[in-house]
Amino acid sequence: MTSRQAKGAAAEQRAAEYLQKQGLTLVERNFRVRGGEIDLICRDGRTTVFVEVRLRSNGNFGGAAGSITGSKQARLILAARHWLLRHGETPCRFDCVLFDGADQHDIQWLRNAFSAD
């Protein structure tokens, strides 16, 4: 595992712990299909929450939030549709957990960050 991958895995772990403390239930990690991946899949009551975790050491180019481009959203939506086909349709939303800055300790949780519409 490269240093970058290790930092990404640590950020995903911190995000999962944070979301669980907020009352979400972790269902799955790193769901992959051809063309897309979802970092975390959680439940918030009856709602399935597809979570993208983004880590940026500096704010250049819009920081962590700016890195969730339209094409990235499309890949997340594709993967979410595959997951829902396998596990059953439920109400769902797309959240993002962002880590900006060198210390990577500040967490920003964006609920309903974007939609599949």
C-alpha atoms as a PDB file:
ATOM      1  CA  MET A   1       0.000   0.000   0.000  1.00  0.00           C
ATOM      2  CA  THR A   2       1.392   3.386  -0.963  1.00  0.00           C
ATOM      3  CA  SER A   3       1.527   6.302   1.451  1.00  0.00           C
ATOM      4  CA  ARG A   4      -1.336   7.952  -0.439  1.00  0.00           C
ATOM      5  CA  GLN A   5      -3.469   4.806  -0.207  1.00  0.00           C
ATOM      6  CA  ALA A   6      -2.726   4.500   3.512  1.00  0.00           C
ATOM      7  CA  LYS A   7      -3.813   8.111   4.082  1.00  0.00           C
ATOM      8  CA  GLY A   8      -6.987   7.478   2.093  1.00  0.00           C
ATOM      9  CA  ALA A   9      -7.777   4.326   4.067  1.00  0.00           C
ATOM     10  CA  ALA A  10      -7.200   6.184   7.343  1.00  0.00           C
ATOM     11  CA  ALA A  11      -9.522   8.994   6.205  1.00  0.00           C
ATOM     12  CA  GLU A  12     -12.222   6.459   5.305  1.00  0.00           C
ATOM     13  CA  GLN A  13     -11.851   4.841   8.730  1.00  0.00           C
ATOM     14  CA  ARG A  14     -12.141   8.216  10.486  1.00  0.00           C
ATOM     15  CA  ALA A  15     -15.166   9.084   8.355  1.00  0.00           C
ATOM     16  CA  ALA A  16     -16.852   5.768   9.187  1.00  0.00           C
ATOM     17  CA  GLU A  17     -16.256   6.282  12.914  1.00  0.00           C
ATOM     18  CA  TYR A  18     -17.535   9.858  12.722  1.00  0.00           C
ATOM     19  CA  LEU A  19     -20.716   8.864  10.888  1.00  0.00           C
ATOM     20  CA  GLN A  20     -21.381   6.049  13.351  1.00  0.00           C
ATOM     21  CA  LYS A  21     -21.076   8.540  16.212  1.00  0.00           C
ATOM     22  CA  GLN A  22     -23.688  10.648  14.390  1.00  0.00           C
ATOM     23  CA  GLY A  23     -26.084   7.693  14.443  1.00  0.00           C
ATOM     24  CA  LEU A  24     -25.536   6.112  11.022  1.00  0.00           C
ATOM     25  CA  THR A  25     -24.969   2.381  10.668  1.00  0.00           C
ATOM     26  CA  LEU A  26     -22.094   1.228   8.461  1.00  0.00           C
ATOM     27  CA  VAL A  27     -23.283  -1.340   5.906  1.00  0.00           C
ATOM     28  CA  GLU A  28     -20.379  -1.730   3.486  1.00  0.00           C
ATOM     29  CA  ARG A  29     -17.000  -0.280   2.529  1.00  0.00           C
ATOM     30  CA  ASN A  30     -15.427   0.183  -0.882  1.00  0.00           C
ATOM     31  CA  PHE A  31     -18.229  -1.167  -3.053  1.00  0.00           C
ATOM     32  CA  ARG A  32     -16.843  -1.443  -6.597  1.00  0.00           C
ATOM     33  CA  VAL A  33     -18.375  -2.054  -9.991  1.00  0.00           C
ATOM     34  CA  ARG A  34     -16.978  -1.466 -13.440  1.00  0.00           C
ATOM     35  CA  GLY A  35     -17.014   2.293 -13.813  1.00  0.00           C
ATOM     36  CA  GLY A  36     -17.555   3.340 -10.203  1.00  0.00           C
ATOM     37  CA  GLU A  37     -16.826   2.923  -6.507  1.00  0.00           C
ATOM     38  CA  ILE A  38     -18.496   4.007  -3.285  1.00  0.00           C
ATOM     39  CA  ASP A  39     -16.273   4.522  -0.244  1.00  0.00           C
ATOM     40  CA  LEU A  40     -18.901   3.924   2.455  1.00  0.00           C
ATOM     41  CA  ILE A  41     -22.491   2.760   2.403  1.00  0.00           C
ATOM     42  CA  CYS A  42     -24.488   3.508   5.527  1.00  0.00           C
ATOM     43  CA  ARG A  43     -28.044   3.513   6.795  1.00  0.00           C
ATOM     44  CA  ASP A  44     -29.694   6.517   8.346  1.00  0.00           C
ATOM     45  CA  GLY A  45     -32.989   5.065   9.516  1.00  0.00           C
ATOM     46  CA  ARG A  46     -34.589   3.632   6.376  1.00  0.00           C
ATOM     47  CA  THR A  47     -32.397   5.718   4.054  1.00  0.00           C
ATOM     48  CA  THR A  48     -29.363   4.247   2.312  1.00  0.00           C
ATOM     49  CA  VAL A  49     -26.528   6.763   2.381  1.00  0.00           C
ATOM     50  CA  PHE A  50     -23.785   6.548  -0.234  1.00  0.00           C
ATOM     51  CA  VAL A  51     -20.726   8.365   1.097  1.00  0.00           C
ATOM     52  CA  GLU A  52     -17.766   9.752  -0.802  1.00  0.00           C
ATOM     53  CA  VAL A  53     -14.738  10.490   1.389  1.00  0.00           C
ATOM     54  CA  ARG A  54     -12.350  13.126   0.056  1.00  0.00           C
ATOM     55  CA  LEU A  55      -8.965  14.022   1.483  1.00  0.00           C
ATOM     56  CA  ARG A  56      -6.910  17.020   0.374  1.00  0.00           C
ATOM     57  CA  SER A  57      -3.776  18.280   2.074  1.00  0.00           C
ATOM     58  CA  ASN A  58      -4.250  21.803   0.715  1.00  0.00           C
ATOM     59  CA  GLY A  59      -7.008  23.991  -0.617  1.00  0.00           C
ATOM     60  CA  ASN A  60      -5.628  24.345  -4.136  1.00  0.00           C
ATOM     61  CA  PHE A  61      -8.150  23.745  -6.914  1.00  0.00           C
ATOM     62  CA  GLY A  62     -11.124  23.973  -4.558  1.00  0.00           C
ATOM     63  CA  GLY A  63      -9.925  21.550  -1.882  1.00  0.00           C
ATOM     64  CA  ALA A  64     -11.749  18.334  -1.070  1.00  0.00           C
ATOM     65  CA  ALA A  65     -15.195  19.643  -2.031  1.00  0.00           C
ATOM     66  CA  GLY A  66     -13.942  20.936  -5.368  1.00  0.00           C
ATOM     67  CA  SER A  67     -12.612  17.498  -6.265  1.00  0.00           C
ATOM     68  CA  ILE A  68     -16.126  16.014  -6.470  1.00  0.00           C
ATOM     69  CA  THR A  69     -16.673  16.814 -10.119  1.00  0.00           C
ATOM     70  CA  GLY A  70     -19.653  16.021 -12.287  1.00  0.00           C
ATOM     71  CA  SER A  71     -17.876  12.976 -13.713  1.00  0.00           C
ATOM     72  CA  LYS A  72     -17.068  11.744 -10.186  1.00  0.00           C
ATOM     73  CA  GLN A  73     -20.728  12.171  -9.226  1.00  0.00           C
ATOM     74  CA  ALA A  74     -21.763  10.181 -12.307  1.00  0.00           C
ATOM     75  CA  ARG A  75     -19.460   7.289 -11.291  1.00  0.00           C
ATOM     76  CA  LEU A  76     -20.898   7.328  -7.757  1.00  0.00           C
ATOM     77  CA  ILE A  77     -24.460   7.315  -9.096  1.00  0.00           C
ATOM     78  CA  LEU A  78     -23.631   4.395 -11.406  1.00  0.00           C
ATOM     79  CA  ALA A  79     -22.222   2.358  -8.519  1.00  0.00           C
ATOM     80  CA  ALA A  80     -25.190   3.276  -6.293  1.00  0.00           C
ATOM     81  CA  ARG A  81     -27.645   2.044  -8.927  1.00  0.00           C
ATOM     82  CA  HIS A  82     -25.798  -1.284  -9.081  1.00  0.00           C
ATOM     83  CA  TRP A  83     -25.845  -1.571  -5.285  1.00  0.00           C
ATOM     84  CA  LEU A  84     -29.569  -0.829  -5.114  1.00  0.00           C
ATOM     85  CA  LEU A  85     -30.299  -3.426  -7.813  1.00  0.00           C
ATOM     86  CA  ARG A  86     -28.477  -6.044  -5.731  1.00  0.00           C
ATOM     87  CA  HIS A  87     -29.840  -5.054  -2.324  1.00  0.00           C
ATOM     88  CA  GLY A  88     -33.256  -3.603  -3.047  1.00  0.00           C
ATOM     89  CA  GLU A  89     -34.548  -0.142  -3.711  1.00  0.00           C
ATOM     90  CA  THR A  90     -34.727   2.182  -0.706  1.00  0.00           C
ATOM     91  CA  PRO A  91     -34.815   5.932  -0.276  1.00  0.00           C
ATOM     92  CA  CYS A  92     -31.222   7.094  -0.673  1.00  0.00           C
ATOM     93  CA  ARG A  93     -28.977  10.119  -0.649  1.00  0.00           C
ATOM     94  CA  PHE A  94     -25.396  11.032  -1.486  1.00  0.00           C
ATOM     95  CA  ASP A  95     -23.245  12.487   1.284  1.00  0.00           C
ATOM     96  CA  CYS A  96     -19.618  13.585   1.297  1.00  0.00           C
ATOM     97  CA  VAL A  97     -17.173  13.599   4.177  1.00  0.00           C
ATOM     98  CA  LEU A  98     -14.349  16.034   3.551  1.00  0.00           C
ATOM     99  CA  PHE A  99     -10.917  16.370   5.105  1.00  0.00           C
ATOM    100  CA  ASP A 100      -9.035  19.555   4.178  1.00  0.00           C
ATOM    101  CA  GLY A 101      -5.641  20.694   5.407  1.00  0.00           C
ATOM    102  CA  ALA A 102      -2.360  19.139   6.413  1.00  0.00           C
ATOM    103  CA  ASP A 103      -3.541  17.890   9.827  1.00  0.00           C
ATOM    104  CA  GLN A 104      -6.556  16.047   8.355  1.00  0.00           C
ATOM    105  CA  HIS A 105      -8.454  16.386  11.635  1.00  0.00           C
ATOM    106  CA  ASP A 106     -11.198  18.776  10.574  1.00  0.00           C
ATOM    107  CA  ILE A 107     -14.178  16.845   9.266  1.00  0.00           C
ATOM    108  CA  GLN A 108     -16.911  18.403   7.174  1.00  0.00           C
ATOM    109  CA  TRP A 109     -20.023  16.284   6.549  1.00  0.00           C
ATOM    110  CA  LEU A 110     -22.130  17.375   3.588  1.00  0.00           C
ATOM    111  CA  ARG A 111     -25.530  15.707   3.749  1.00  0.00           C
ATOM    112  CA  ASN A 112     -27.356  15.500   0.418  1.00  0.00           C
ATOM    113  CA  ALA A 113     -24.239  16.806  -1.324  1.00  0.00           C
ATOM    114  CA  PHE A 114     -25.731  16.065  -4.743  1.00  0.00           C
ATOM    115  CA  SER A 115     -28.617  14.116  -6.240  1.00  0.00           C
ATOM    116  CA  ALA A 116     -29.020  11.464  -8.920  1.00  0.00           C
ATOM    117  CA  ASP A 117     -31.590  13.535 -10.808  1.00  0.00           C
END
